[in-house]
Amino acid sequence: MRYSASEKLEIINLVEGSHLSARQTLDKLGIPRTTFYRWYDRYLQRGAAALVDKPPKPAKVWNRIPNDIRDKVVTLALDEPELSPRELAVMFTDTEQYFVSEASVYRILKAQDMITSPAYIVIKAANEFKDKTTTINQLWQTDFTYLKVIGWGWFYLSTILDDYSRYIISWKLCTNMKTEDVTDTLELALQASGCDQVHVAHKPRLLSDNGSSYVSSELADWLQDKGMKHSRGAPYHPQTQGKIERWHQTLKNRILLENYFLPGDLELQIQAFIDHYNHHRYHESLKNVTPADVYFGRDKDILRQRENIKQETLETRRLLHRKAAA
């Protein structure tokens, strides 16, 4: 319990004027003796004015982010309003060569009233896939999703996603969901990955759901001719293809903010977002590198460089704190 200066002075006067001992008086008042004598010492030295509590001084934190860095974070957030605090933190570290954590970015933006809730719903998949891939082109996930063009009807996007890197290898906007559409997308993926041009020990294994185009004998024959194996998820269990399901949700969250009246416009928007997703969007599950960084083997060097930047930044903050304290 906190006491005002007048209450402390009244307690001192009571103790001084009491016929009981100081200990007995304080026990009856419920005041700890250490607290009373701290007040009393201050009172004897500087009078009643010394009984006023002083506001606590904020402790100096050695790793506090300088104000000019905070201003740069805010400026970056204003320039890139679509990025989350996590993405802003990574981009700031990469572009400014100065480490700022996701939590720090969040606090800086929160203080500026710049944090808003997302305007879309995020689906949840399983936390981890039981049999994890260990390299690129080991497992490809594929699926269709539907998109509407006003006046034209429904179109179907067929995608091939590399399971290890989440890299979108190929895609095709189709008017149907036939086996031919699946094989066309796979042909594009084999060409883009180079798996049809060089000798590899094992061709990528295909993972899909149980749609009619994926269970057809035509697809089975085509895959056998290409030397590819095929796995299908359990019925009514989309978590098996969780990565491509999540990709479809991410895609739709962005491109369905607009209406499309021509298939060509929709294709251009899909192409633009896939380029952004593959080469510019920091993927949280990939330790905040892009799918292209992992697919093309740049991720380890990038993560090593970021760790060096982090250590250099923290050491700089320590030095500045020591100079200020000296």
C-alpha atoms as a PDB file:
ATOM      1  CA  MET A   1       0.000   0.000   0.000  1.00  0.00           C
ATOM      2  CA  ARG A   2       1.251   3.453  -0.911  1.00  0.00           C
ATOM      3  CA  TYR A   3       0.968   6.370   1.530  1.00  0.00           C
ATOM      4  CA  SER A   4       0.905  10.034   0.664  1.00  0.00           C
ATOM      5  CA  ALA A   5       3.401  12.452   2.204  1.00  0.00           C
ATOM      6  CA  SER A   6       0.757  13.794   4.641  1.00  0.00           C
ATOM      7  CA  GLU A   7      -0.130  10.244   5.774  1.00  0.00           C
ATOM      8  CA  LYS A   8       3.550   9.408   6.344  1.00  0.00           C
ATOM      9  CA  LEU A   9       3.970  12.594   8.417  1.00  0.00           C
ATOM     10  CA  GLU A  10       0.882  11.710  10.487  1.00  0.00           C
ATOM     11  CA  ILE A  11       2.275   8.214  11.176  1.00  0.00           C
ATOM     12  CA  ILE A  12       5.619   9.706  12.260  1.00  0.00           C
ATOM     13  CA  ASN A  13       3.852  12.075  14.652  1.00  0.00           C
ATOM     14  CA  LEU A  14       1.810   9.190  16.088  1.00  0.00           C
ATOM     15  CA  VAL A  15       4.905   7.113  16.744  1.00  0.00           C
ATOM     16  CA  GLU A  16       6.789  10.048  18.282  1.00  0.00           C
ATOM     17  CA  GLY A  17       3.862  10.967  20.551  1.00  0.00           C
ATOM     18  CA  SER A  18       2.818   7.444  21.537  1.00  0.00           C
ATOM     19  CA  HIS A  19       3.262   6.194  25.108  1.00  0.00           C
ATOM     20  CA  LEU A  20       4.012   2.762  23.600  1.00  0.00           C
ATOM     21  CA  SER A  21       7.318   1.743  22.115  1.00  0.00           C
ATOM     22  CA  ALA A  22       7.889   2.406  18.439  1.00  0.00           C
ATOM     23  CA  ARG A  23       7.720  -1.331  17.731  1.00  0.00           C
ATOM     24  CA  GLN A  24       4.361  -1.765  19.474  1.00  0.00           C
ATOM     25  CA  THR A  25       2.908   1.323  17.822  1.00  0.00           C
ATOM     26  CA  LEU A  26       3.984   0.229  14.352  1.00  0.00           C
ATOM     27  CA  ASP A  27       2.590  -3.280  14.931  1.00  0.00           C
ATOM     28  CA  LYS A  28      -0.794  -1.798  15.801  1.00  0.00           C
ATOM     29  CA  LEU A  29      -0.662   0.442  12.732  1.00  0.00           C
ATOM     30  CA  GLY A  30       0.464  -2.440  10.507  1.00  0.00           C
ATOM     31  CA  ILE A  31       3.508  -0.560   9.245  1.00  0.00           C
ATOM     32  CA  PRO A  32       6.761  -2.536   8.742  1.00  0.00           C
ATOM     33  CA  ARG A  33       9.581  -1.116  10.847  1.00  0.00           C
ATOM     34  CA  THR A  34      12.004  -1.038   7.894  1.00  0.00           C
ATOM     35  CA  THR A  35       9.520   1.059   5.926  1.00  0.00           C
ATOM     36  CA  PHE A  36       8.902   3.444   8.828  1.00  0.00           C
ATOM     37  CA  TYR A  37      12.601   4.019   9.555  1.00  0.00           C
ATOM     38  CA  ARG A  38      13.268   4.653   5.859  1.00  0.00           C
ATOM     39  CA  TRP A  39      10.630   7.397   5.999  1.00  0.00           C
ATOM     40  CA  TYR A  40      11.962   8.656   9.330  1.00  0.00           C
ATOM     41  CA  ASP A  41      15.561   8.956   8.120  1.00  0.00           C
ATOM     42  CA  ARG A  42      14.427  10.990   5.121  1.00  0.00           C
ATOM     43  CA  TYR A  43      12.252  13.155   7.407  1.00  0.00           C
ATOM     44  CA  LEU A  44      15.110  13.896   9.821  1.00  0.00           C
ATOM     45  CA  GLN A  45      17.514  14.779   7.010  1.00  0.00           C
ATOM     46  CA  ARG A  46      15.321  16.925   4.734  1.00  0.00           C
ATOM     47  CA  GLY A  47      12.032  17.515   6.515  1.00  0.00           C
ATOM     48  CA  ALA A  48       8.458  16.781   5.420  1.00  0.00           C
ATOM     49  CA  ALA A  49       9.222  17.519   1.754  1.00  0.00           C
ATOM     50  CA  ALA A  50      11.433  14.392   1.645  1.00  0.00           C
ATOM     51  CA  LEU A  51       8.378  12.187   2.282  1.00  0.00           C
ATOM     52  CA  VAL A  52       6.986  12.818  -1.204  1.00  0.00           C
ATOM     53  CA  ASP A  53       7.523   9.788  -3.441  1.00  0.00           C
ATOM     54  CA  LYS A  54       9.602  10.472  -6.528  1.00  0.00           C
ATOM     55  CA  PRO A  55       8.531   8.884  -9.805  1.00  0.00           C
ATOM     56  CA  PRO A  56      10.788   5.935 -10.646  1.00  0.00           C
ATOM     57  CA  LYS A  57      13.419   6.550 -13.262  1.00  0.00           C
ATOM     58  CA  PRO A  58      13.088   4.302 -16.297  1.00  0.00           C
ATOM     59  CA  ALA A  59      15.886   1.800 -16.419  1.00  0.00           C
ATOM     60  CA  LYS A  60      18.287   2.166 -19.312  1.00  0.00           C
ATOM     61  CA  VAL A  61      18.150  -0.892 -21.545  1.00  0.00           C
ATOM     62  CA  TRP A  62      21.377  -1.710 -23.325  1.00  0.00           C
ATOM     63  CA  ASN A  63      19.698  -3.017 -26.474  1.00  0.00           C
ATOM     64  CA  ARG A  64      17.083  -0.279 -26.935  1.00  0.00           C
ATOM     65  CA  ILE A  65      16.506   0.490 -30.605  1.00  0.00           C
ATOM     66  CA  PRO A  66      17.714   4.026 -31.470  1.00  0.00           C
ATOM     67  CA  ASN A  67      15.089   6.572 -32.462  1.00  0.00           C
ATOM     68  CA  ASP A  68      16.417   6.989 -36.003  1.00  0.00           C
ATOM     69  CA  ILE A  69      16.054   3.226 -36.556  1.00  0.00           C
ATOM     70  CA  ARG A  70      12.498   3.370 -35.204  1.00  0.00           C
ATOM     71  CA  ASP A  71      11.704   6.142 -37.674  1.00  0.00           C
ATOM     72  CA  LYS A  72      13.075   4.037 -40.528  1.00  0.00           C
ATOM     73  CA  VAL A  73      10.887   1.094 -39.474  1.00  0.00           C
ATOM     74  CA  VAL A  74       7.811   3.321 -39.534  1.00  0.00           C
ATOM     75  CA  THR A  75       8.787   4.707 -42.945  1.00  0.00           C
ATOM     76  CA  LEU A  76       9.225   1.193 -44.333  1.00  0.00           C
ATOM     77  CA  ALA A  77       5.828   0.172 -42.939  1.00  0.00           C
ATOM     78  CA  LEU A  78       4.218   3.168 -44.650  1.00  0.00           C
ATOM     79  CA  ASP A  79       5.945   2.297 -47.935  1.00  0.00           C
ATOM     80  CA  GLU A  80       4.969  -1.394 -47.688  1.00  0.00           C
ATOM     81  CA  PRO A  81       1.514  -1.389 -46.054  1.00  0.00           C
ATOM     82  CA  GLU A  82       0.732  -4.979 -47.124  1.00  0.00           C
ATOM     83  CA  LEU A  83       3.626  -6.498 -45.186  1.00  0.00           C
ATOM     84  CA  SER A  84       3.178  -8.009 -41.738  1.00  0.00           C
ATOM     85  CA  PRO A  85       5.530  -7.129 -38.824  1.00  0.00           C
ATOM     86  CA  ARG A  86       7.372 -10.420 -39.493  1.00  0.00           C
ATOM     87  CA  GLU A  87       7.921  -9.563 -43.153  1.00  0.00           C
ATOM     88  CA  LEU A  88       8.877  -5.970 -42.331  1.00  0.00           C
ATOM     89  CA  ALA A  89      11.461  -7.183 -39.789  1.00  0.00           C
ATOM     90  CA  VAL A  90      13.101  -9.475 -42.336  1.00  0.00           C
ATOM     91  CA  MET A  91      13.018  -6.880 -45.124  1.00  0.00           C
ATOM     92  CA  PHE A  92      14.490  -4.226 -42.822  1.00  0.00           C
ATOM     93  CA  THR A  93      17.336  -6.547 -41.822  1.00  0.00           C
ATOM     94  CA  ASP A  94      18.084  -7.387 -45.450  1.00  0.00           C
ATOM     95  CA  THR A  95      17.877  -3.858 -46.849  1.00  0.00           C
ATOM     96  CA  GLU A  96      19.286  -1.796 -43.967  1.00  0.00           C
ATOM     97  CA  GLN A  97      21.841  -4.371 -42.732  1.00  0.00           C
ATOM     98  CA  TYR A  98      20.526  -3.745 -39.220  1.00  0.00           C
ATOM     99  CA  PHE A  99      18.706  -6.366 -37.159  1.00  0.00           C
ATOM    100  CA  VAL A 100      15.253  -5.597 -35.750  1.00  0.00           C
ATOM    101  CA  SER A 101      13.134  -8.449 -34.383  1.00  0.00           C
ATOM    102  CA  GLU A 102       9.526  -9.117 -35.347  1.00  0.00           C
ATOM    103  CA  ALA A 103       8.397  -8.322 -31.790  1.00  0.00           C
ATOM    104  CA  SER A 104      10.207  -4.966 -31.871  1.00  0.00           C
ATOM    105  CA  VAL A 105       8.611  -4.039 -35.202  1.00  0.00           C
ATOM    106  CA  TYR A 106       5.208  -4.952 -33.786  1.00  0.00           C
ATOM    107  CA  ARG A 107       5.741  -2.744 -30.697  1.00  0.00           C
ATOM    108  CA  ILE A 108       6.977   0.183 -32.810  1.00  0.00           C
ATOM    109  CA  LEU A 109       3.972   0.009 -35.131  1.00  0.00           C
ATOM    110  CA  LYS A 110       1.572  -0.588 -32.241  1.00  0.00           C
ATOM    111  CA  ALA A 111       2.794   2.605 -30.590  1.00  0.00           C
ATOM    112  CA  GLN A 112       2.031   4.440 -33.852  1.00  0.00           C
ATOM    113  CA  ASP A 113      -1.446   2.835 -34.066  1.00  0.00           C
ATOM    114  CA  MET A 114      -0.431   1.136 -37.322  1.00  0.00           C
ATOM    115  CA  ILE A 115      -1.420  -2.451 -36.442  1.00  0.00           C
ATOM    116  CA  THR A 116      -4.707  -3.737 -37.849  1.00  0.00           C
ATOM    117  CA  SER A 117      -6.329  -7.157 -37.916  1.00  0.00           C
ATOM    118  CA  PRO A 118      -6.081  -9.125 -41.184  1.00  0.00           C
ATOM    119  CA  ALA A 119      -9.099  -8.848 -43.471  1.00  0.00           C
ATOM    120  CA  TYR A 120      -9.071 -12.498 -44.407  1.00  0.00           C
ATOM    121  CA  ILE A 121      -9.374 -15.914 -42.789  1.00  0.00           C
ATOM    122  CA  VAL A 122      -6.356 -18.181 -42.516  1.00  0.00           C
ATOM    123  CA  ILE A 123      -6.938 -21.925 -42.738  1.00  0.00           C
ATOM    124  CA  LYS A 124      -5.100 -24.320 -40.466  1.00  0.00           C
ATOM    125  CA  ALA A 125      -3.413 -27.486 -41.686  1.00  0.00           C
ATOM    126  CA  ALA A 126      -1.529 -30.143 -39.759  1.00  0.00           C
ATOM    127  CA  ASN A 127       1.498 -28.855 -37.825  1.00  0.00           C
ATOM    128  CA  GLU A 128       3.931 -31.175 -39.565  1.00  0.00           C
ATOM    129  CA  PHE A 129       3.905 -33.709 -42.369  1.00  0.00           C
ATOM    130  CA  LYS A 130       4.873 -37.114 -41.054  1.00  0.00           C
ATOM    131  CA  ASP A 131       7.383 -38.017 -43.785  1.00  0.00           C
ATOM    132  CA  LYS A 132       9.303 -34.811 -44.451  1.00  0.00           C
ATOM    133  CA  THR A 133      11.113 -34.229 -47.707  1.00  0.00           C
ATOM    134  CA  THR A 134      14.843 -33.534 -47.537  1.00  0.00           C
ATOM    135  CA  THR A 135      15.593 -31.965 -50.910  1.00  0.00           C
ATOM    136  CA  ILE A 136      13.975 -30.233 -53.880  1.00  0.00           C
ATOM    137  CA  ASN A 137      12.178 -32.192 -56.610  1.00  0.00           C
ATOM    138  CA  GLN A 138      11.666 -35.104 -54.256  1.00  0.00           C
ATOM    139  CA  LEU A 139       7.898 -34.620 -53.899  1.00  0.00           C
ATOM    140  CA  TRP A 140       5.558 -32.426 -55.918  1.00  0.00           C
ATOM    141  CA  GLN A 141       2.095 -31.507 -54.641  1.00  0.00           C
ATOM    142  CA  THR A 142      -0.654 -30.744 -57.144  1.00  0.00           C
ATOM    143  CA  ASP A 143      -4.283 -29.713 -57.004  1.00  0.00           C
ATOM    144  CA  PHE A 144      -6.967 -27.639 -58.722  1.00  0.00           C
ATOM    145  CA  THR A 145      -8.662 -24.564 -57.336  1.00  0.00           C
ATOM    146  CA  TYR A 146     -11.490 -22.625 -58.936  1.00  0.00           C
ATOM    147  CA  LEU A 147     -11.647 -18.936 -59.858  1.00  0.00           C
ATOM    148  CA  LYS A 148     -14.499 -17.008 -61.477  1.00  0.00           C
ATOM    149  CA  VAL A 149     -14.351 -14.637 -64.428  1.00  0.00           C
ATOM    150  CA  ILE A 150     -17.493 -12.521 -64.648  1.00  0.00           C
ATOM    151  CA  GLY A 151     -19.402 -13.278 -67.839  1.00  0.00           C
ATOM    152  CA  TRP A 152     -17.209 -16.304 -68.616  1.00  0.00           C
ATOM    153  CA  GLY A 153     -17.876 -18.638 -65.698  1.00  0.00           C
ATOM    154  CA  TRP A 154     -15.520 -20.785 -63.636  1.00  0.00           C
ATOM    155  CA  PHE A 155     -11.861 -21.440 -64.472  1.00  0.00           C
ATOM    156  CA  TYR A 156      -9.626 -23.966 -62.767  1.00  0.00           C
ATOM    157  CA  LEU A 157      -6.032 -23.347 -61.749  1.00  0.00           C
ATOM    158  CA  SER A 158      -3.755 -26.403 -61.854  1.00  0.00           C
ATOM    159  CA  THR A 159      -0.513 -25.951 -59.888  1.00  0.00           C
ATOM    160  CA  ILE A 160       2.660 -27.955 -59.245  1.00  0.00           C
ATOM    161  CA  LEU A 161       4.303 -27.025 -55.921  1.00  0.00           C
ATOM    162  CA  ASP A 162       7.655 -28.381 -54.738  1.00  0.00           C
ATOM    163  CA  ASP A 163       7.057 -29.829 -51.263  1.00  0.00           C
ATOM    164  CA  TYR A 164      10.516 -29.061 -49.836  1.00  0.00           C
ATOM    165  CA  SER A 165      10.826 -25.424 -50.945  1.00  0.00           C
ATOM    166  CA  ARG A 166       7.139 -24.446 -51.497  1.00  0.00           C
ATOM    167  CA  TYR A 167       8.313 -23.161 -54.896  1.00  0.00           C
ATOM    168  CA  ILE A 168       5.598 -22.948 -57.566  1.00  0.00           C
ATOM    169  CA  ILE A 169       7.246 -24.802 -60.441  1.00  0.00           C
ATOM    170  CA  SER A 170       4.409 -24.554 -62.974  1.00  0.00           C
ATOM    171  CA  TRP A 171       0.757 -23.658 -63.331  1.00  0.00           C
ATOM    172  CA  LYS A 172      -2.007 -23.607 -65.920  1.00  0.00           C
ATOM    173  CA  LEU A 173      -5.394 -21.885 -66.003  1.00  0.00           C
ATOM    174  CA  CYS A 174      -7.865 -24.411 -67.405  1.00  0.00           C
ATOM    175  CA  THR A 175     -11.509 -24.486 -68.446  1.00  0.00           C
ATOM    176  CA  ASN A 176     -11.858 -28.059 -67.164  1.00  0.00           C
ATOM    177  CA  MET A 177     -10.240 -30.426 -64.672  1.00  0.00           C
ATOM    178  CA  LYS A 178      -9.306 -33.205 -67.082  1.00  0.00           C
ATOM    179  CA  THR A 179      -6.336 -35.571 -67.039  1.00  0.00           C
ATOM    180  CA  GLU A 180      -4.946 -33.676 -70.019  1.00  0.00           C
ATOM    181  CA  ASP A 181      -4.798 -30.512 -67.896  1.00  0.00           C
ATOM    182  CA  VAL A 182      -2.849 -32.369 -65.198  1.00  0.00           C
ATOM    183  CA  THR A 183      -0.330 -33.808 -67.664  1.00  0.00           C
ATOM    184  CA  ASP A 184       0.109 -30.414 -69.348  1.00  0.00           C
ATOM    185  CA  THR A 185       0.968 -28.840 -65.995  1.00  0.00           C
ATOM    186  CA  LEU A 186       3.354 -31.704 -65.208  1.00  0.00           C
ATOM    187  CA  GLU A 187       5.063 -31.293 -68.590  1.00  0.00           C
ATOM    188  CA  LEU A 188       5.652 -27.632 -67.795  1.00  0.00           C
ATOM    189  CA  ALA A 189       7.059 -28.599 -64.381  1.00  0.00           C
ATOM    190  CA  LEU A 190       9.423 -31.205 -65.834  1.00  0.00           C
ATOM    191  CA  GLN A 191      10.725 -28.665 -68.330  1.00  0.00           C
ATOM    192  CA  ALA A 192      11.082 -25.854 -65.758  1.00  0.00           C
ATOM    193  CA  SER A 193      12.878 -28.072 -63.248  1.00  0.00           C
ATOM    194  CA  GLY A 194      15.098 -29.733 -65.834  1.00  0.00           C
ATOM    195  CA  CYS A 195      14.029 -33.183 -64.687  1.00  0.00           C
ATOM    196  CA  ASP A 196      13.231 -34.155 -68.287  1.00  0.00           C
ATOM    197  CA  GLN A 197      16.597 -32.990 -69.626  1.00  0.00           C
ATOM    198  CA  VAL A 198      19.145 -34.579 -67.275  1.00  0.00           C
ATOM    199  CA  HIS A 199      19.455 -38.067 -65.850  1.00  0.00           C
ATOM    200  CA  VAL A 200      18.231 -38.209 -62.247  1.00  0.00           C
ATOM    201  CA  ALA A 201      18.219 -41.205 -59.921  1.00  0.00           C
ATOM    202  CA  HIS A 202      14.603 -40.647 -58.919  1.00  0.00           C
ATOM    203  CA  LYS A 203      11.976 -38.560 -60.657  1.00  0.00           C
ATOM    204  CA  PRO A 204       9.751 -36.446 -58.392  1.00  0.00           C
ATOM    205  CA  ARG A 205       6.894 -38.289 -56.704  1.00  0.00           C
ATOM    206  CA  LEU A 206       3.473 -36.732 -57.256  1.00  0.00           C
ATOM    207  CA  LEU A 207       1.078 -36.132 -54.353  1.00  0.00           C
ATOM    208  CA  SER A 208      -2.578 -35.336 -55.083  1.00  0.00           C
ATOM    209  CA  ASP A 209      -6.078 -35.844 -53.782  1.00  0.00           C
ATOM    210  CA  ASN A 210      -8.572 -38.340 -55.183  1.00  0.00           C
ATOM    211  CA  GLY A 211     -10.156 -36.162 -57.855  1.00  0.00           C
ATOM    212  CA  SER A 212     -11.321 -37.903 -61.016  1.00  0.00           C
ATOM    213  CA  SER A 213      -8.451 -36.499 -63.080  1.00  0.00           C
ATOM    214  CA  TYR A 214      -5.900 -37.881 -60.591  1.00  0.00           C
ATOM    215  CA  VAL A 215      -7.289 -41.420 -60.292  1.00  0.00           C
ATOM    216  CA  SER A 216      -7.664 -41.933 -64.037  1.00  0.00           C
ATOM    217  CA  SER A 217      -5.823 -44.720 -65.836  1.00  0.00           C
ATOM    218  CA  GLU A 218      -4.579 -42.171 -68.416  1.00  0.00           C
ATOM    219  CA  LEU A 219      -2.636 -40.306 -65.730  1.00  0.00           C
ATOM    220  CA  ALA A 220      -1.288 -43.576 -64.306  1.00  0.00           C
ATOM    221  CA  ASP A 221       0.013 -44.570 -67.747  1.00  0.00           C
ATOM    222  CA  TRP A 222       1.518 -41.137 -68.335  1.00  0.00           C
ATOM    223  CA  LEU A 223       3.337 -41.158 -64.975  1.00  0.00           C
ATOM    224  CA  GLN A 224       4.622 -44.675 -65.553  1.00  0.00           C
ATOM    225  CA  ASP A 225       5.998 -43.609 -68.939  1.00  0.00           C
ATOM    226  CA  LYS A 226       7.792 -40.682 -67.265  1.00  0.00           C
ATOM    227  CA  GLY A 227       9.132 -42.869 -64.446  1.00  0.00           C
ATOM    228  CA  MET A 228       7.203 -40.958 -61.757  1.00  0.00           C
ATOM    229  CA  LYS A 229       5.434 -42.459 -58.754  1.00  0.00           C
ATOM    230  CA  HIS A 230       2.069 -41.230 -57.496  1.00  0.00           C
ATOM    231  CA  SER A 231       0.687 -40.928 -53.955  1.00  0.00           C
ATOM    232  CA  ARG A 232      -2.844 -39.839 -53.059  1.00  0.00           C
ATOM    233  CA  GLY A 233      -4.121 -38.450 -49.787  1.00  0.00           C
ATOM    234  CA  ALA A 234      -6.791 -40.103 -47.709  1.00  0.00           C
ATOM    235  CA  PRO A 235     -10.346 -39.157 -48.784  1.00  0.00           C
ATOM    236  CA  TYR A 236     -11.807 -36.127 -46.939  1.00  0.00           C
ATOM    237  CA  HIS A 237      -8.407 -35.334 -45.416  1.00  0.00           C
ATOM    238  CA  PRO A 238      -7.030 -32.215 -47.180  1.00  0.00           C
ATOM    239  CA  GLN A 239      -4.291 -31.830 -44.541  1.00  0.00           C
ATOM    240  CA  THR A 240      -2.243 -34.390 -46.477  1.00  0.00           C
ATOM    241  CA  GLN A 241      -1.908 -31.791 -49.240  1.00  0.00           C
ATOM    242  CA  GLY A 242      -1.712 -29.009 -46.657  1.00  0.00           C
ATOM    243  CA  LYS A 243       1.018 -27.012 -48.381  1.00  0.00           C
ATOM    244  CA  ILE A 244      -0.789 -26.591 -51.680  1.00  0.00           C
ATOM    245  CA  GLU A 245      -4.106 -26.033 -49.880  1.00  0.00           C
ATOM    246  CA  ARG A 246      -2.417 -23.228 -47.950  1.00  0.00           C
ATOM    247  CA  TRP A 247      -0.951 -21.862 -51.194  1.00  0.00           C
ATOM    248  CA  HIS A 248      -4.404 -21.701 -52.768  1.00  0.00           C
ATOM    249  CA  GLN A 249      -5.717 -19.788 -49.744  1.00  0.00           C
ATOM    250  CA  THR A 250      -2.789 -17.351 -49.890  1.00  0.00           C
ATOM    251  CA  LEU A 251      -3.361 -16.801 -53.612  1.00  0.00           C
ATOM    252  CA  LYS A 252      -7.085 -16.183 -53.241  1.00  0.00           C
ATOM    253  CA  ASN A 253      -6.596 -13.808 -50.300  1.00  0.00           C
ATOM    254  CA  ARG A 254      -4.694 -11.525 -52.670  1.00  0.00           C
ATOM    255  CA  ILE A 255      -6.063 -11.862 -56.186  1.00  0.00           C
ATOM    256  CA  LEU A 256      -9.760 -12.145 -55.280  1.00  0.00           C
ATOM    257  CA  LEU A 257      -9.733  -8.613 -53.905  1.00  0.00           C
ATOM    258  CA  GLU A 258     -10.656  -7.624 -57.477  1.00  0.00           C
ATOM    259  CA  ASN A 259     -13.218  -8.786 -60.036  1.00  0.00           C
ATOM    260  CA  TYR A 260     -12.102 -10.133 -63.403  1.00  0.00           C
ATOM    261  CA  PHE A 261     -13.970  -9.785 -66.681  1.00  0.00           C
ATOM    262  CA  LEU A 262     -11.435 -11.390 -69.030  1.00  0.00           C
ATOM    263  CA  PRO A 263      -9.463 -14.639 -68.584  1.00  0.00           C
ATOM    264  CA  GLY A 264      -6.324 -12.831 -69.742  1.00  0.00           C
ATOM    265  CA  ASP A 265      -6.589 -10.338 -66.889  1.00  0.00           C
ATOM    266  CA  LEU A 266      -6.907 -13.188 -64.394  1.00  0.00           C
ATOM    267  CA  GLU A 267      -3.872 -14.938 -65.886  1.00  0.00           C
ATOM    268  CA  LEU A 268      -1.779 -11.779 -65.634  1.00  0.00           C
ATOM    269  CA  GLN A 269      -2.748 -11.347 -61.979  1.00  0.00           C
ATOM    270  CA  ILE A 270      -1.924 -14.995 -61.204  1.00  0.00           C
ATOM    271  CA  GLN A 271       1.448 -14.659 -62.943  1.00  0.00           C
ATOM    272  CA  ALA A 272       2.277 -11.492 -61.030  1.00  0.00           C
ATOM    273  CA  PHE A 273       1.392 -13.016 -57.679  1.00  0.00           C
ATOM    274  CA  ILE A 274       3.296 -16.246 -58.361  1.00  0.00           C
ATOM    275  CA  ASP A 275       6.383 -14.191 -59.183  1.00  0.00           C
ATOM    276  CA  HIS A 276       5.910 -12.274 -55.923  1.00  0.00           C
ATOM    277  CA  TYR A 277       5.297 -15.477 -53.955  1.00  0.00           C
ATOM    278  CA  ASN A 278       8.304 -17.329 -55.399  1.00  0.00           C
ATOM    279  CA  HIS A 279      10.882 -14.537 -55.370  1.00  0.00           C
ATOM    280  CA  HIS A 280       9.833 -11.788 -52.954  1.00  0.00           C
ATOM    281  CA  ARG A 281       7.486 -13.070 -50.244  1.00  0.00           C
ATOM    282  CA  TYR A 282       9.269 -14.149 -47.045  1.00  0.00           C
ATOM    283  CA  HIS A 283       7.893 -17.559 -46.075  1.00  0.00           C
ATOM    284  CA  GLU A 284       7.565 -18.112 -42.329  1.00  0.00           C
ATOM    285  CA  SER A 285       7.887 -21.906 -42.604  1.00  0.00           C
ATOM    286  CA  LEU A 286      11.164 -21.466 -44.516  1.00  0.00           C
ATOM    287  CA  LYS A 287      12.815 -19.351 -41.787  1.00  0.00           C
ATOM    288  CA  ASN A 288      11.787 -16.172 -43.621  1.00  0.00           C
ATOM    289  CA  VAL A 289      13.500 -16.780 -46.932  1.00  0.00           C
ATOM    290  CA  THR A 290      11.624 -17.037 -50.223  1.00  0.00           C
ATOM    291  CA  PRO A 291      10.695 -20.339 -51.917  1.00  0.00           C
ATOM    292  CA  ALA A 292      13.099 -19.448 -54.743  1.00  0.00           C
ATOM    293  CA  ASP A 293      15.937 -19.011 -52.232  1.00  0.00           C
ATOM    294  CA  VAL A 294      15.411 -22.589 -51.046  1.00  0.00           C
ATOM    295  CA  TYR A 295      14.739 -24.062 -54.486  1.00  0.00           C
ATOM    296  CA  PHE A 296      17.919 -22.562 -55.941  1.00  0.00           C
ATOM    297  CA  GLY A 297      20.057 -23.187 -52.846  1.00  0.00           C
ATOM    298  CA  ARG A 298      20.592 -19.615 -51.667  1.00  0.00           C
ATOM    299  CA  ASP A 299      18.870 -19.991 -48.279  1.00  0.00           C
ATOM    300  CA  LYS A 300      21.857 -21.107 -46.170  1.00  0.00           C
ATOM    301  CA  ASP A 301      24.008 -18.143 -47.250  1.00  0.00           C
ATOM    302  CA  ILE A 302      21.154 -15.702 -46.614  1.00  0.00           C
ATOM    303  CA  LEU A 303      20.459 -17.081 -43.127  1.00  0.00           C
ATOM    304  CA  ARG A 304      24.177 -17.010 -42.291  1.00  0.00           C
ATOM    305  CA  GLN A 305      24.404 -13.373 -43.394  1.00  0.00           C
ATOM    306  CA  ARG A 306      21.347 -12.423 -41.313  1.00  0.00           C
ATOM    307  CA  GLU A 307      22.843 -14.048 -38.232  1.00  0.00           C
ATOM    308  CA  ASN A 308      26.041 -12.039 -38.763  1.00  0.00           C
ATOM    309  CA  ILE A 309      23.993  -8.832 -39.097  1.00  0.00           C
ATOM    310  CA  LYS A 310      22.138  -9.683 -35.890  1.00  0.00           C
ATOM    311  CA  GLN A 311      25.339 -10.232 -33.903  1.00  0.00           C
ATOM    312  CA  GLU A 312      26.924  -7.040 -35.282  1.00  0.00           C
ATOM    313  CA  THR A 313      23.781  -5.038 -34.437  1.00  0.00           C
ATOM    314  CA  LEU A 314      23.644  -6.331 -30.865  1.00  0.00           C
ATOM    315  CA  GLU A 315      27.349  -5.607 -30.377  1.00  0.00           C
ATOM    316  CA  THR A 316      26.830  -2.052 -31.677  1.00  0.00           C
ATOM    317  CA  ARG A 317      23.987  -1.511 -29.203  1.00  0.00           C
ATOM    318  CA  ARG A 318      26.169  -2.807 -26.335  1.00  0.00           C
ATOM    319  CA  LEU A 319      28.954  -0.375 -27.240  1.00  0.00           C
ATOM    320  CA  LEU A 320      26.542   2.550 -27.435  1.00  0.00           C
ATOM    321  CA  HIS A 321      25.077   1.616 -24.050  1.00  0.00           C
ATOM    322  CA  ARG A 322      28.543   1.420 -22.441  1.00  0.00           C
ATOM    323  CA  LYS A 323      29.496   4.830 -23.861  1.00  0.00           C
ATOM    324  CA  ALA A 324      26.278   6.377 -22.572  1.00  0.00           C
ATOM    325  CA  ALA A 325      26.799   4.827 -19.121  1.00  0.00           C
ATOM    326  CA  ALA A 326      30.438   5.913 -18.888  1.00  0.00           C
END
